[in-house]
Amino acid sequence: MTNPFDTPPPAPARRSFPTKIVAIIVAVILALVAVGAVISLQNKKPSNCSIDAIFGSSLTEAEIKDIHNDSESIELPFCNGTWAHLTIDGHDFITAWTGEKWVPYERNQITFLSRGYSCFRESGLRADGAPDELIEQLNLCSADDEATWSNR
């Protein structure tokens, strides 16, 4: 009869080297897919971000025709699905998304007809949640503009 204590214990099961490599490769691929998805979401304009979509929901058909016929240049330098910045012949216009349609945003815009320009109040835009990227594109009111406007 043999002594059971003379038998060495079975060797522990070892993971094979290729299994570890496969696990690392899968983890790297998943990380790259996640990074790609984040970048894609950051660069994708929402479906409501087109000049036609903005005009179609915030202006009447007659106003759209009037702008298209009289304007040399209509551009959309910024749109994030909530805020949009249009330039029409070099003039800035902001629209805001209500959840259903675009509406002109004029609350913090000061127009000086005698001077031929308008500016936007930065503090008001920030209070209303306008993003930095939009604010940086606008002609912001100076302290003199604000003083002139408030003394009217």
N, C-alpha and C. Protein backbone atom coordinates (compact mmCIF):
# COMPACT_ATOMS: atom_id res chain seq x y z
N MET A 1 0.84 -1.15 0.00
CA MET A 1 0.00 0.00 0.00
C MET A 1 0.89 1.23 0.00
N THR A 2 0.54 2.19 -0.83
CA THR A 2 1.37 3.39 -0.94
C THR A 2 0.85 4.46 -0.01
N ASN A 3 1.76 5.25 0.42
CA ASN A 3 1.42 6.34 1.33
C ASN A 3 0.86 7.51 0.52
N PRO A 4 -0.36 8.00 0.84
CA PRO A 4 -0.94 9.11 0.05
C PRO A 4 -0.15 10.41 0.23
N PHE A 5 0.65 10.47 1.30
CA PHE A 5 1.42 11.70 1.52
C PHE A 5 2.67 11.77 0.65
N ASP A 6 3.02 10.66 0.03
CA ASP A 6 4.18 10.65 -0.85
C ASP A 6 3.88 11.21 -2.24
N THR A 7 2.61 11.35 -2.55
CA THR A 7 2.22 11.84 -3.88
C THR A 7 2.22 13.36 -3.87
N PRO A 8 2.90 13.96 -4.78
CA PRO A 8 2.90 15.44 -4.82
C PRO A 8 1.52 15.95 -5.22
N PRO A 9 1.16 17.11 -4.71
CA PRO A 9 -0.15 17.66 -5.07
C PRO A 9 -0.17 18.03 -6.56
N PRO A 10 -1.35 18.02 -7.13
CA PRO A 10 -1.42 18.38 -8.55
C PRO A 10 -0.99 19.84 -8.75
N ALA A 11 -0.38 20.09 -9.87
CA ALA A 11 0.08 21.45 -10.17
C ALA A 11 -1.14 22.35 -10.38
N PRO A 12 -1.08 23.62 -9.90
CA PRO A 12 -2.22 24.51 -10.11
C PRO A 12 -2.40 24.79 -11.60
N ALA A 13 -3.65 24.94 -11.98
CA ALA A 13 -3.94 25.23 -13.39
C ALA A 13 -3.39 26.61 -13.73
N ARG A 14 -2.67 26.69 -14.79
CA ARG A 14 -2.11 27.97 -15.20
C ARG A 14 -2.86 28.47 -16.44
N ARG A 15 -3.05 29.80 -16.46
CA ARG A 15 -3.64 30.38 -17.66
C ARG A 15 -2.58 30.35 -18.75
N SER A 16 -3.06 30.08 -19.89
CA SER A 16 -2.09 30.06 -20.99
C SER A 16 -1.78 31.50 -21.39
N PHE A 17 -0.62 31.70 -21.90
CA PHE A 17 -0.15 33.02 -22.31
C PHE A 17 -1.07 33.65 -23.36
N PRO A 18 -1.53 32.93 -24.36
CA PRO A 18 -2.39 33.54 -25.38
C PRO A 18 -3.71 34.07 -24.80
N THR A 19 -4.24 33.48 -23.77
CA THR A 19 -5.49 33.95 -23.18
C THR A 19 -5.31 35.35 -22.61
N LYS A 20 -4.18 35.60 -21.99
CA LYS A 20 -3.92 36.93 -21.44
C LYS A 20 -3.80 37.96 -22.56
N ILE A 21 -3.13 37.59 -23.62
CA ILE A 21 -2.97 38.52 -24.75
C ILE A 21 -4.34 38.84 -25.36
N VAL A 22 -5.17 37.85 -25.52
CA VAL A 22 -6.50 38.06 -26.09
C VAL A 22 -7.30 39.00 -25.19
N ALA A 23 -7.22 38.82 -23.89
CA ALA A 23 -7.95 39.69 -22.95
C ALA A 23 -7.46 41.13 -23.06
N ILE A 24 -6.17 41.32 -23.19
CA ILE A 24 -5.61 42.68 -23.33
C ILE A 24 -6.07 43.30 -24.65
N ILE A 25 -6.02 42.54 -25.71
CA ILE A 25 -6.44 43.05 -27.02
C ILE A 25 -7.91 43.45 -27.00
N VAL A 26 -8.75 42.62 -26.40
CA VAL A 26 -10.18 42.94 -26.30
C VAL A 26 -10.39 44.21 -25.49
N ALA A 27 -9.68 44.37 -24.40
CA ALA A 27 -9.81 45.58 -23.57
C ALA A 27 -9.39 46.82 -24.35
N VAL A 28 -8.31 46.72 -25.11
CA VAL A 28 -7.84 47.87 -25.92
C VAL A 28 -8.87 48.21 -26.99
N ILE A 29 -9.41 47.21 -27.65
CA ILE A 29 -10.42 47.45 -28.69
C ILE A 29 -11.65 48.12 -28.09
N LEU A 30 -12.11 47.64 -26.96
CA LEU A 30 -13.28 48.26 -26.31
C LEU A 30 -13.00 49.71 -25.93
N ALA A 31 -11.81 49.99 -25.45
CA ALA A 31 -11.45 51.36 -25.09
C ALA A 31 -11.44 52.25 -26.32
N LEU A 32 -10.89 51.76 -27.43
CA LEU A 32 -10.86 52.55 -28.67
C LEU A 32 -12.26 52.80 -29.21
N VAL A 33 -13.13 51.82 -29.13
CA VAL A 33 -14.52 52.00 -29.57
C VAL A 33 -15.20 53.06 -28.71
N ALA A 34 -14.99 53.02 -27.41
CA ALA A 34 -15.61 54.02 -26.52
C ALA A 34 -15.10 55.42 -26.83
N VAL A 35 -13.80 55.57 -27.04
CA VAL A 35 -13.23 56.89 -27.38
C VAL A 35 -13.79 57.37 -28.71
N GLY A 36 -13.89 56.49 -29.68
CA GLY A 36 -14.44 56.85 -30.98
C GLY A 36 -15.89 57.29 -30.88
N ALA A 37 -16.67 56.63 -30.05
CA ALA A 37 -18.07 57.02 -29.87
C ALA A 37 -18.18 58.40 -29.25
N VAL A 38 -17.35 58.69 -28.28
CA VAL A 38 -17.37 60.02 -27.64
C VAL A 38 -16.99 61.10 -28.65
N ILE A 39 -15.95 60.87 -29.43
CA ILE A 39 -15.53 61.85 -30.43
C ILE A 39 -16.62 62.05 -31.47
N SER A 40 -17.24 60.97 -31.89
CA SER A 40 -18.31 61.06 -32.88
C SER A 40 -19.47 61.89 -32.35
N LEU A 41 -19.85 61.68 -31.11
CA LEU A 41 -20.95 62.45 -30.52
C LEU A 41 -20.59 63.92 -30.41
N GLN A 42 -19.35 64.23 -30.11
CA GLN A 42 -18.94 65.62 -29.97
C GLN A 42 -18.94 66.35 -31.30
N ASN A 43 -18.65 65.65 -32.39
CA ASN A 43 -18.53 66.29 -33.70
C ASN A 43 -19.82 66.26 -34.50
N LYS A 44 -20.82 65.57 -34.05
CA LYS A 44 -22.05 65.43 -34.81
C LYS A 44 -22.99 66.58 -34.50
N LYS A 45 -23.44 67.25 -35.56
CA LYS A 45 -24.43 68.31 -35.37
C LYS A 45 -25.80 67.66 -35.23
N PRO A 46 -26.61 68.17 -34.32
CA PRO A 46 -27.97 67.64 -34.19
C PRO A 46 -28.75 67.83 -35.50
N SER A 47 -29.76 67.01 -35.71
CA SER A 47 -30.52 67.04 -36.96
C SER A 47 -31.26 68.36 -37.18
N ASN A 48 -31.51 69.10 -36.10
CA ASN A 48 -32.22 70.37 -36.26
C ASN A 48 -31.26 71.52 -36.58
N CYS A 49 -30.00 71.22 -36.81
CA CYS A 49 -28.97 72.24 -37.06
C CYS A 49 -28.72 72.42 -38.55
N SER A 50 -29.66 73.00 -39.23
CA SER A 50 -29.45 73.39 -40.62
C SER A 50 -30.14 74.74 -40.80
N ILE A 51 -29.69 75.49 -41.78
CA ILE A 51 -30.30 76.80 -42.02
C ILE A 51 -31.78 76.64 -42.32
N ASP A 52 -32.13 75.65 -43.15
CA ASP A 52 -33.54 75.45 -43.49
C ASP A 52 -34.37 75.06 -42.27
N ALA A 53 -33.82 74.19 -41.40
CA ALA A 53 -34.56 73.79 -40.20
C ALA A 53 -34.78 74.99 -39.28
N ILE A 54 -33.77 75.83 -39.15
CA ILE A 54 -33.88 76.99 -38.26
C ILE A 54 -34.86 78.00 -38.84
N PHE A 55 -34.71 78.31 -40.12
CA PHE A 55 -35.64 79.24 -40.75
C PHE A 55 -37.06 78.69 -40.75
N GLY A 56 -37.18 77.41 -41.07
CA GLY A 56 -38.51 76.80 -41.19
C GLY A 56 -39.32 76.82 -39.92
N SER A 57 -38.66 76.81 -38.78
CA SER A 57 -39.43 76.79 -37.54
C SER A 57 -39.48 78.14 -36.84
N SER A 58 -38.65 79.10 -37.28
CA SER A 58 -38.65 80.38 -36.56
C SER A 58 -39.13 81.55 -37.40
N LEU A 59 -39.29 81.35 -38.70
CA LEU A 59 -39.73 82.45 -39.55
C LEU A 59 -40.92 82.01 -40.41
N THR A 60 -41.67 82.99 -40.86
CA THR A 60 -42.77 82.68 -41.78
C THR A 60 -42.19 82.43 -43.16
N GLU A 61 -42.98 81.83 -44.02
CA GLU A 61 -42.51 81.55 -45.37
C GLU A 61 -42.14 82.84 -46.11
N ALA A 62 -42.91 83.90 -45.90
CA ALA A 62 -42.62 85.18 -46.55
C ALA A 62 -41.29 85.75 -46.06
N GLU A 63 -41.02 85.63 -44.76
CA GLU A 63 -39.75 86.12 -44.21
C GLU A 63 -38.56 85.34 -44.78
N ILE A 64 -38.74 84.03 -44.92
CA ILE A 64 -37.68 83.20 -45.48
C ILE A 64 -37.37 83.62 -46.91
N LYS A 65 -38.42 83.79 -47.72
CA LYS A 65 -38.22 84.21 -49.11
C LYS A 65 -37.55 85.57 -49.16
N ASP A 66 -37.97 86.47 -48.30
CA ASP A 66 -37.40 87.82 -48.27
C ASP A 66 -35.91 87.76 -47.94
N ILE A 67 -35.55 86.97 -46.95
CA ILE A 67 -34.14 86.86 -46.55
C ILE A 67 -33.32 86.22 -47.67
N HIS A 68 -33.83 85.12 -48.24
CA HIS A 68 -33.08 84.44 -49.30
C HIS A 68 -32.93 85.32 -50.54
N ASN A 69 -33.95 86.08 -50.87
CA ASN A 69 -33.88 86.92 -52.07
C ASN A 69 -32.98 88.13 -51.88
N ASP A 70 -32.98 88.69 -50.70
CA ASP A 70 -32.23 89.92 -50.46
C ASP A 70 -30.83 89.70 -49.91
N SER A 71 -30.52 88.51 -49.49
CA SER A 71 -29.24 88.26 -48.82
C SER A 71 -28.21 87.70 -49.77
N GLU A 72 -27.01 88.22 -49.63
CA GLU A 72 -25.90 87.69 -50.41
C GLU A 72 -25.28 86.48 -49.71
N SER A 73 -25.34 86.47 -48.40
CA SER A 73 -24.63 85.44 -47.65
C SER A 73 -25.39 85.06 -46.39
N ILE A 74 -25.72 83.78 -46.27
CA ILE A 74 -26.33 83.25 -45.05
C ILE A 74 -25.43 82.11 -44.58
N GLU A 75 -24.94 82.21 -43.35
CA GLU A 75 -24.05 81.18 -42.81
C GLU A 75 -24.54 80.74 -41.44
N LEU A 76 -24.13 79.54 -41.06
CA LEU A 76 -24.46 78.97 -39.76
C LEU A 76 -23.15 78.59 -39.07
N PRO A 77 -22.46 79.57 -38.43
CA PRO A 77 -21.17 79.27 -37.82
C PRO A 77 -21.25 78.43 -36.54
N PHE A 78 -22.42 78.38 -35.90
CA PHE A 78 -22.52 77.60 -34.66
C PHE A 78 -23.93 77.06 -34.51
N CYS A 79 -24.03 75.82 -34.13
CA CYS A 79 -25.32 75.22 -33.75
C CYS A 79 -25.02 73.98 -32.92
N ASN A 80 -25.62 73.91 -31.73
CA ASN A 80 -25.43 72.72 -30.90
C ASN A 80 -26.75 72.01 -30.61
N GLY A 81 -27.81 72.40 -31.32
CA GLY A 81 -29.12 71.79 -31.12
C GLY A 81 -29.96 72.54 -30.12
N THR A 82 -29.36 73.42 -29.34
CA THR A 82 -30.08 74.25 -28.37
C THR A 82 -29.94 75.73 -28.72
N TRP A 83 -28.77 76.09 -29.17
CA TRP A 83 -28.47 77.46 -29.58
C TRP A 83 -27.94 77.43 -31.01
N ALA A 84 -28.30 78.45 -31.79
CA ALA A 84 -27.77 78.57 -33.15
C ALA A 84 -27.39 80.02 -33.41
N HIS A 85 -26.29 80.20 -34.12
CA HIS A 85 -25.80 81.52 -34.50
C HIS A 85 -25.80 81.59 -36.02
N LEU A 86 -26.64 82.43 -36.56
CA LEU A 86 -26.70 82.67 -37.99
C LEU A 86 -26.07 84.01 -38.30
N THR A 87 -25.40 84.10 -39.43
CA THR A 87 -24.97 85.41 -39.91
C THR A 87 -25.64 85.60 -41.27
N ILE A 88 -26.28 86.73 -41.40
CA ILE A 88 -26.94 87.08 -42.66
C ILE A 88 -26.33 88.39 -43.11
N ASP A 89 -25.60 88.32 -44.22
CA ASP A 89 -24.87 89.49 -44.73
C ASP A 89 -24.01 90.13 -43.65
N GLY A 90 -23.38 89.30 -42.82
CA GLY A 90 -22.47 89.81 -41.80
C GLY A 90 -23.11 90.23 -40.50
N HIS A 91 -24.43 90.14 -40.39
CA HIS A 91 -25.13 90.51 -39.16
C HIS A 91 -25.42 89.25 -38.35
N ASP A 92 -25.22 89.33 -37.05
CA ASP A 92 -25.42 88.19 -36.16
C ASP A 92 -26.87 88.05 -35.74
N PHE A 93 -27.35 86.81 -35.77
CA PHE A 93 -28.68 86.48 -35.26
C PHE A 93 -28.54 85.21 -34.43
N ILE A 94 -29.21 85.19 -33.30
CA ILE A 94 -29.20 84.01 -32.45
C ILE A 94 -30.62 83.46 -32.39
N THR A 95 -30.72 82.15 -32.46
CA THR A 95 -32.00 81.49 -32.24
C THR A 95 -31.81 80.44 -31.14
N ALA A 96 -32.89 80.16 -30.45
CA ALA A 96 -32.86 79.18 -29.36
C ALA A 96 -33.92 78.12 -29.62
N TRP A 97 -33.60 76.88 -29.30
CA TRP A 97 -34.51 75.75 -29.50
C TRP A 97 -35.40 75.60 -28.28
N THR A 98 -36.71 75.56 -28.49
CA THR A 98 -37.66 75.44 -27.39
C THR A 98 -37.96 73.99 -27.04
N GLY A 99 -37.49 73.07 -27.84
CA GLY A 99 -37.85 71.67 -27.69
C GLY A 99 -38.77 71.25 -28.81
N GLU A 100 -39.38 72.24 -29.46
CA GLU A 100 -40.27 71.98 -30.59
C GLU A 100 -39.90 72.79 -31.82
N LYS A 101 -39.37 74.00 -31.59
CA LYS A 101 -39.02 74.85 -32.73
C LYS A 101 -37.96 75.86 -32.33
N TRP A 102 -37.36 76.47 -33.35
CA TRP A 102 -36.38 77.54 -33.15
C TRP A 102 -37.12 78.86 -33.02
N VAL A 103 -36.70 79.67 -32.07
CA VAL A 103 -37.28 81.01 -31.90
C VAL A 103 -36.15 82.03 -31.87
N PRO A 104 -36.39 83.21 -32.45
CA PRO A 104 -35.36 84.25 -32.39
C PRO A 104 -35.04 84.61 -30.94
N TYR A 105 -33.78 84.75 -30.64
CA TYR A 105 -33.33 85.14 -29.30
C TYR A 105 -32.84 86.57 -29.39
N GLU A 106 -33.59 87.48 -28.82
CA GLU A 106 -33.25 88.90 -28.90
C GLU A 106 -33.11 89.54 -27.53
N ARG A 107 -33.29 88.74 -26.50
CA ARG A 107 -33.33 89.27 -25.14
C ARG A 107 -32.11 90.08 -24.74
N ASN A 108 -30.96 89.65 -25.13
CA ASN A 108 -29.73 90.33 -24.71
C ASN A 108 -29.00 90.96 -25.88
N GLN A 109 -29.78 91.32 -26.90
CA GLN A 109 -29.21 91.98 -28.07
C GLN A 109 -29.58 93.46 -28.01
N ILE A 110 -28.60 94.31 -28.20
CA ILE A 110 -28.82 95.76 -28.22
C ILE A 110 -28.50 96.22 -29.64
N THR A 111 -29.47 96.88 -30.27
CA THR A 111 -29.28 97.37 -31.63
C THR A 111 -29.20 98.88 -31.62
N PHE A 112 -28.15 99.39 -32.21
CA PHE A 112 -27.96 100.83 -32.35
C PHE A 112 -28.17 101.18 -33.82
N LEU A 113 -29.40 101.54 -34.16
CA LEU A 113 -29.69 101.85 -35.55
C LEU A 113 -28.86 103.02 -36.05
N SER A 114 -28.68 104.03 -35.20
CA SER A 114 -27.92 105.21 -35.62
C SER A 114 -26.45 104.88 -35.88
N ARG A 115 -25.96 103.83 -35.21
CA ARG A 115 -24.55 103.44 -35.40
C ARG A 115 -24.42 102.32 -36.43
N GLY A 116 -25.54 101.71 -36.77
CA GLY A 116 -25.52 100.65 -37.77
C GLY A 116 -24.98 99.32 -37.30
N TYR A 117 -25.09 99.02 -36.02
CA TYR A 117 -24.63 97.72 -35.55
C TYR A 117 -25.42 97.31 -34.31
N SER A 118 -25.24 96.06 -33.96
CA SER A 118 -25.84 95.55 -32.72
C SER A 118 -24.77 94.77 -31.97
N CYS A 119 -25.02 94.60 -30.69
CA CYS A 119 -24.10 93.84 -29.85
C CYS A 119 -24.93 93.00 -28.88
N PHE A 120 -24.27 92.07 -28.23
CA PHE A 120 -24.94 91.18 -27.29
C PHE A 120 -24.36 91.37 -25.90
N ARG A 121 -25.24 91.36 -24.91
CA ARG A 121 -24.82 91.49 -23.51
C ARG A 121 -24.31 90.14 -23.02
N GLU A 122 -23.01 90.06 -22.76
CA GLU A 122 -22.39 88.80 -22.35
C GLU A 122 -22.99 88.26 -21.05
N SER A 123 -23.20 89.12 -20.08
CA SER A 123 -23.73 88.65 -18.78
C SER A 123 -25.11 88.03 -18.95
N GLY A 124 -25.93 88.62 -19.80
CA GLY A 124 -27.27 88.07 -20.04
C GLY A 124 -27.23 86.75 -20.78
N LEU A 125 -26.34 86.65 -21.76
CA LEU A 125 -26.19 85.38 -22.49
C LEU A 125 -25.75 84.27 -21.54
N ARG A 126 -24.78 84.57 -20.69
CA ARG A 126 -24.30 83.56 -19.74
C ARG A 126 -25.40 83.16 -18.76
N ALA A 127 -26.17 84.14 -18.29
CA ALA A 127 -27.26 83.85 -17.36
C ALA A 127 -28.32 82.95 -18.01
N ASP A 128 -28.49 83.09 -19.32
CA ASP A 128 -29.46 82.26 -20.03
C ASP A 128 -28.88 80.93 -20.49
N GLY A 129 -27.62 80.67 -20.18
CA GLY A 129 -27.02 79.37 -20.48
C GLY A 129 -26.38 79.24 -21.85
N ALA A 130 -26.10 80.35 -22.51
CA ALA A 130 -25.44 80.27 -23.82
C ALA A 130 -24.03 79.69 -23.65
N PRO A 131 -23.64 78.78 -24.53
CA PRO A 131 -22.32 78.16 -24.40
C PRO A 131 -21.19 79.12 -24.78
N ASP A 132 -20.02 78.88 -24.20
CA ASP A 132 -18.84 79.71 -24.47
C ASP A 132 -18.52 79.80 -25.95
N GLU A 133 -18.62 78.67 -26.65
CA GLU A 133 -18.28 78.65 -28.07
C GLU A 133 -19.15 79.63 -28.87
N LEU A 134 -20.40 79.77 -28.49
CA LEU A 134 -21.29 80.74 -29.14
C LEU A 134 -20.91 82.16 -28.75
N ILE A 135 -20.75 82.40 -27.47
CA ILE A 135 -20.45 83.75 -26.96
C ILE A 135 -19.17 84.29 -27.59
N GLU A 136 -18.17 83.43 -27.77
CA GLU A 136 -16.89 83.86 -28.35
C GLU A 136 -17.02 84.34 -29.79
N GLN A 137 -18.09 83.95 -30.48
CA GLN A 137 -18.27 84.32 -31.88
C GLN A 137 -19.01 85.64 -32.07
N LEU A 138 -19.61 86.15 -31.01
CA LEU A 138 -20.50 87.31 -31.14
C LEU A 138 -19.80 88.63 -30.89
N ASN A 139 -20.40 89.68 -31.41
CA ASN A 139 -19.98 91.04 -31.12
C ASN A 139 -20.57 91.39 -29.75
N LEU A 140 -19.74 91.39 -28.72
CA LEU A 140 -20.23 91.64 -27.36
C LEU A 140 -20.23 93.13 -27.08
N CYS A 141 -21.21 93.55 -26.29
CA CYS A 141 -21.34 94.96 -25.94
C CYS A 141 -20.20 95.40 -25.03
N SER A 142 -19.71 96.59 -25.28
CA SER A 142 -18.70 97.19 -24.41
C SER A 142 -19.41 97.87 -23.24
N ALA A 143 -18.64 98.32 -22.27
CA ALA A 143 -19.22 99.06 -21.15
C ALA A 143 -19.88 100.34 -21.66
N ASP A 144 -19.30 100.98 -22.67
CA ASP A 144 -19.89 102.19 -23.26
C ASP A 144 -21.23 101.88 -23.92
N ASP A 145 -21.30 100.75 -24.63
CA ASP A 145 -22.57 100.35 -25.26
C ASP A 145 -23.65 100.18 -24.20
N GLU A 146 -23.30 99.48 -23.13
CA GLU A 146 -24.27 99.22 -22.05
C GLU A 146 -24.71 100.53 -21.41
N ALA A 147 -23.78 101.44 -21.18
CA ALA A 147 -24.11 102.73 -20.55
C ALA A 147 -25.01 103.55 -21.47
N THR A 148 -24.70 103.57 -22.75
CA THR A 148 -25.53 104.31 -23.71
C THR A 148 -26.94 103.76 -23.73
N TRP A 149 -27.04 102.43 -23.73
CA TRP A 149 -28.35 101.78 -23.80
C TRP A 149 -29.16 102.06 -22.53
N SER A 150 -28.55 101.97 -21.38
CA SER A 150 -29.29 102.15 -20.12
C SER A 150 -29.67 103.60 -19.88
N ASN A 151 -29.00 104.56 -20.52
CA ASN A 151 -29.32 105.98 -20.34
C ASN A 151 -30.40 106.47 -21.31
N ARG A 152 -30.97 105.61 -22.08
CA ARG A 152 -31.99 106.01 -23.05
C ARG A 152 -33.31 106.30 -22.40
